[in-house]
């Protein structure tokens, strides 16, 4: 796999992971110590995303959004599948 493809995947998926982590922090899912580490991780992800995407071509930004949507859709389909198979 090309390095550009790997970078696109990372840049596409990491912001979604950061969003999920923020949601979990807001719901009180993490205890105090873990909350600090998760907050640091979120900040690192956001800085990396900004660093990589600053000045990026419009096509690259659109690809990032496409990867994010595809990842979220894959998770939703996986969740639906898991819910269906639990009933078997």
C-alpha atoms as a PDB file:
ATOM      1  CA  UNK A   1       0.000   0.000   0.000  1.00  0.00           C
ATOM      2  CA  UNK A   2       1.294   3.469  -0.861  1.00  0.00           C
ATOM      3  CA  UNK A   3       2.367   5.815   1.920  1.00  0.00           C
ATOM      4  CA  UNK A   4      -0.072   8.442   0.635  1.00  0.00           C
ATOM      5  CA  UNK A   5      -2.935   5.984   1.041  1.00  0.00           C
ATOM      6  CA  UNK A   6      -1.856   5.160   4.588  1.00  0.00           C
ATOM      7  CA  UNK A   7      -1.553   8.855   5.443  1.00  0.00           C
ATOM      8  CA  UNK A   8      -5.002   9.557   4.012  1.00  0.00           C
ATOM      9  CA  UNK A   9      -6.452   6.734   6.120  1.00  0.00           C
ATOM     10  CA  UNK A  10      -4.786   8.016   9.288  1.00  0.00           C
ATOM     11  CA  UNK A  11      -5.786  11.620   8.626  1.00  0.00           C
ATOM     12  CA  UNK A  12      -9.313  10.458   7.853  1.00  0.00           C
ATOM     13  CA  UNK A  13      -9.840   8.127  10.798  1.00  0.00           C
ATOM     14  CA  UNK A  14      -7.996   9.883  13.645  1.00  0.00           C
ATOM     15  CA  UNK A  15     -10.315  12.926  13.793  1.00  0.00           C
ATOM     16  CA  UNK A  16     -13.299  10.572  14.033  1.00  0.00           C
ATOM     17  CA  UNK A  17     -11.583   8.707  16.871  1.00  0.00           C
ATOM     18  CA  UNK A  18     -10.987  12.060  18.594  1.00  0.00           C
ATOM     19  CA  UNK A  19     -14.694  12.903  18.185  1.00  0.00           C
ATOM     20  CA  UNK A  20     -15.655   9.585  19.755  1.00  0.00           C
ATOM     21  CA  UNK A  21     -13.230  10.102  22.630  1.00  0.00           C
ATOM     22  CA  UNK A  22     -14.671  13.572  23.263  1.00  0.00           C
ATOM     23  CA  UNK A  23     -18.159  12.063  23.384  1.00  0.00           C
ATOM     24  CA  UNK A  24     -17.005   9.455  25.885  1.00  0.00           C
ATOM     25  CA  UNK A  25     -15.318  12.084  28.070  1.00  0.00           C
ATOM     26  CA  UNK A  26     -18.531  14.123  28.099  1.00  0.00           C
ATOM     27  CA  UNK A  27     -20.558  11.130  29.250  1.00  0.00           C
ATOM     28  CA  UNK A  28     -18.156  10.505  32.140  1.00  0.00           C
ATOM     29  CA  UNK A  29     -16.889   7.225  30.731  1.00  0.00           C
ATOM     30  CA  UNK A  30     -13.319   7.835  31.929  1.00  0.00           C
ATOM     31  CA  UNK A  31     -12.052   8.280  35.460  1.00  0.00           C
ATOM     32  CA  UNK A  32      -9.951  11.316  36.341  1.00  0.00           C
ATOM     33  CA  UNK A  33      -6.511   9.883  35.466  1.00  0.00           C
ATOM     34  CA  UNK A  34      -7.664   8.387  32.193  1.00  0.00           C
ATOM     35  CA  UNK A  35      -9.579  11.556  31.378  1.00  0.00           C
ATOM     36  CA  UNK A  36      -6.347  13.569  31.473  1.00  0.00           C
ATOM     37  CA  UNK A  37      -4.576  11.122  29.149  1.00  0.00           C
ATOM     38  CA  UNK A  38      -7.539  10.990  26.781  1.00  0.00           C
ATOM     39  CA  UNK A  39      -7.659  14.789  26.722  1.00  0.00           C
ATOM     40  CA  UNK A  40      -3.965  14.878  25.821  1.00  0.00           C
ATOM     41  CA  UNK A  41      -4.507  12.312  23.067  1.00  0.00           C
ATOM     42  CA  UNK A  42      -7.395  14.326  21.627  1.00  0.00           C
ATOM     43  CA  UNK A  43      -5.237  17.471  21.622  1.00  0.00           C
ATOM     44  CA  UNK A  44      -2.388  15.618  19.856  1.00  0.00           C
ATOM     45  CA  UNK A  45      -4.776  14.264  17.224  1.00  0.00           C
ATOM     46  CA  UNK A  46      -6.235  17.722  16.574  1.00  0.00           C
ATOM     47  CA  UNK A  47      -2.757  19.295  16.262  1.00  0.00           C
ATOM     48  CA  UNK A  48      -1.578  16.560  13.890  1.00  0.00           C
ATOM     49  CA  UNK A  49      -4.690  16.960  11.760  1.00  0.00           C
ATOM     50  CA  UNK A  50      -4.208  20.727  11.597  1.00  0.00           C
ATOM     51  CA  UNK A  51      -0.520  20.369  10.763  1.00  0.00           C
ATOM     52  CA  UNK A  52      -1.155  17.902   7.946  1.00  0.00           C
ATOM     53  CA  UNK A  53      -4.281  19.518   6.524  1.00  0.00           C
ATOM     54  CA  UNK A  54      -3.176  23.170   6.644  1.00  0.00           C
ATOM     55  CA  UNK A  55      -2.783  24.306   3.079  1.00  0.00           C
ATOM     56  CA  UNK A  56      -4.052  21.004   1.729  1.00  0.00           C
ATOM     57  CA  UNK A  57      -5.582  20.916  -1.719  1.00  0.00           C
ATOM     58  CA  UNK A  58      -9.387  20.927  -1.888  1.00  0.00           C
ATOM     59  CA  UNK A  59      -9.276  17.398  -3.313  1.00  0.00           C
ATOM     60  CA  UNK A  60      -7.331  16.180  -0.269  1.00  0.00           C
ATOM     61  CA  UNK A  61      -9.831  17.782   2.121  1.00  0.00           C
ATOM     62  CA  UNK A  62     -12.699  16.141   0.235  1.00  0.00           C
ATOM     63  CA  UNK A  63     -10.906  12.776   0.380  1.00  0.00           C
ATOM     64  CA  UNK A  64     -10.484  13.180   4.130  1.00  0.00           C
ATOM     65  CA  UNK A  65     -14.203  13.847   4.518  1.00  0.00           C
ATOM     66  CA  UNK A  66     -15.010  10.827   2.320  1.00  0.00           C
ATOM     67  CA  UNK A  67     -12.799   8.588   4.476  1.00  0.00           C
ATOM     68  CA  UNK A  68     -14.449   9.913   7.647  1.00  0.00           C
ATOM     69  CA  UNK A  69     -17.940   9.268   6.280  1.00  0.00           C
ATOM     70  CA  UNK A  70     -16.998   5.787   5.074  1.00  0.00           C
ATOM     71  CA  UNK A  71     -15.484   4.921   8.455  1.00  0.00           C
ATOM     72  CA  UNK A  72     -18.566   6.125  10.338  1.00  0.00           C
ATOM     73  CA  UNK A  73     -20.865   4.233   7.943  1.00  0.00           C
ATOM     74  CA  UNK A  74     -18.792   1.072   8.330  1.00  0.00           C
ATOM     75  CA  UNK A  75     -19.078   1.344  12.112  1.00  0.00           C
ATOM     76  CA  UNK A  76     -22.840   1.831  11.914  1.00  0.00           C
ATOM     77  CA  UNK A  77     -23.236  -1.177   9.604  1.00  0.00           C
ATOM     78  CA  UNK A  78     -21.040  -3.260  11.895  1.00  0.00           C
ATOM     79  CA  UNK A  79     -23.153  -2.231  14.867  1.00  0.00           C
ATOM     80  CA  UNK A  80     -26.356  -3.149  13.013  1.00  0.00           C
ATOM     81  CA  UNK A  81     -24.882  -6.516  12.027  1.00  0.00           C
ATOM     82  CA  UNK A  82     -23.799  -7.218  15.599  1.00  0.00           C
ATOM     83  CA  UNK A  83     -27.269  -6.333  16.897  1.00  0.00           C
ATOM     84  CA  UNK A  84     -28.858  -8.683  14.352  1.00  0.00           C
ATOM     85  CA  UNK A  85     -26.535 -11.597  15.166  1.00  0.00           C
ATOM     86  CA  UNK A  86     -27.078 -11.233  18.931  1.00  0.00           C
ATOM     87  CA  UNK A  87     -30.652 -12.403  18.404  1.00  0.00           C
ATOM     88  CA  UNK A  88     -29.555 -15.690  16.790  1.00  0.00           C
END
